[in-house]
Amino acid sequence: MVLVIGGAGYVGSHVLHALRGANEAHLAYDDFSSGWEPALKGSPCIRGDLLDTDFLTQTLLDHPEIDTLMVFAAKISVGESVRHPELYHHVNTGGIASALTAMERAGLRRIIMSSTAAVYGNPLGPLVEDHPKNPTSPYGESKWNAERLIGEAGVDSIRFRYFNAAGAAPEHGLGEHHEPEEHLIPLCIDAALGRRDGIALFGEDYPTPDGTCVRDYIHVLDLADAHVRALHYLRANGGSQALNLGTGQGHSVCEVIQTVQEEVGPFDVRHEGRRPGDPSELVARCEKAEQLLGWKATRSDLRSLVRDAAAFRRDRPDGYRKLTKSTG
């Protein structure tokens, strides 16, 4: 059985969907500080805080069939991390420390962690996993420190370095719902649907072809597929790996804006200065994930990402809110 920590969040809920499809026994674990009960889609869930090490330990002891942890629970805003670095180190690095302590107490040795391309900093060109780590934000630092804790613990692990998760599974009622929303594609879609007054474009003087930041956008269902493959790989082989998850193709902010305008509708763009902590370009090389897991992104062309995300936001203008958020 897999314990999916942060299972009610954006990526975690899509991984639950993939685990259900693979007939993998699983249990979600979430404090619902940012996750949504309707996103669980019936998967069993325990309300708990990753930072509550004693409660997490007891959860593992109460469910001896759990053999693997997947950890999605984290703070994820680069901008917020610049304003509140101590919060990010407490939640992101401290959360992994808590998970590792609970695992040791319960005798578990297998973990799959959501890390980020932000550990690389501000590199040039497509990134391989052994590229030097030089994060430019407390968010990236907190994730890199968490990765190092896992390495020092000597457990069987895969640390997935996500590039930019996007898209949705609208046919299954799953999609992206953050409060507040800060990700580019849903912000653009909401602007095109008339739900917000345009968007802000932060910086047009980066060393990229059109001067705006370039990112590698990967469909959240491709991410979910990688996690199921990682589970099977670790059970069969053990070991410790860091793996990029992306497509190998970058798209600029201007390209994303244009694609959403073509697929959904026009909206206004406000031109503002750079945000602190934003690298100019983050694009993955994913040969290692292909080699070890037999994985490759298959749903992640930009127009498909936008269409899926737009379908979810059209169908659910309030996201999961009207479906009753779990509280407590």
Foldseek 3Di string as FASTA:
>chain_A
DEEEEVLQAALNLLLLVVCVVVVHQYEYEYQLPWGFPVSVVPHHYDYDALLPLVVLLVVCQVCVVHAEYEYDDADDDQQVCQVPLVVRLCRQQSSLVSVLVSCVSNVHFHYEYEAALQQQPADDAADDPPRDGDHQGSNSVSRVNNLVVSVVSPGFYEYEHEWAEFFFDVVSLGHHDGVVDDDLLVLLLCQLVVNDQFEEQAFQCFPDPRSFAKTFYAYSNLVSVLVVLVVVLCVVPTDYYYFYDGAQDIDGSVRSNVLSCVQRRDHDYHYHYHRGRDHRYYGHDGVVSCVRRVGHGDQTDSNSRSVRNSSSCVVCVPRCVVVPGDDD
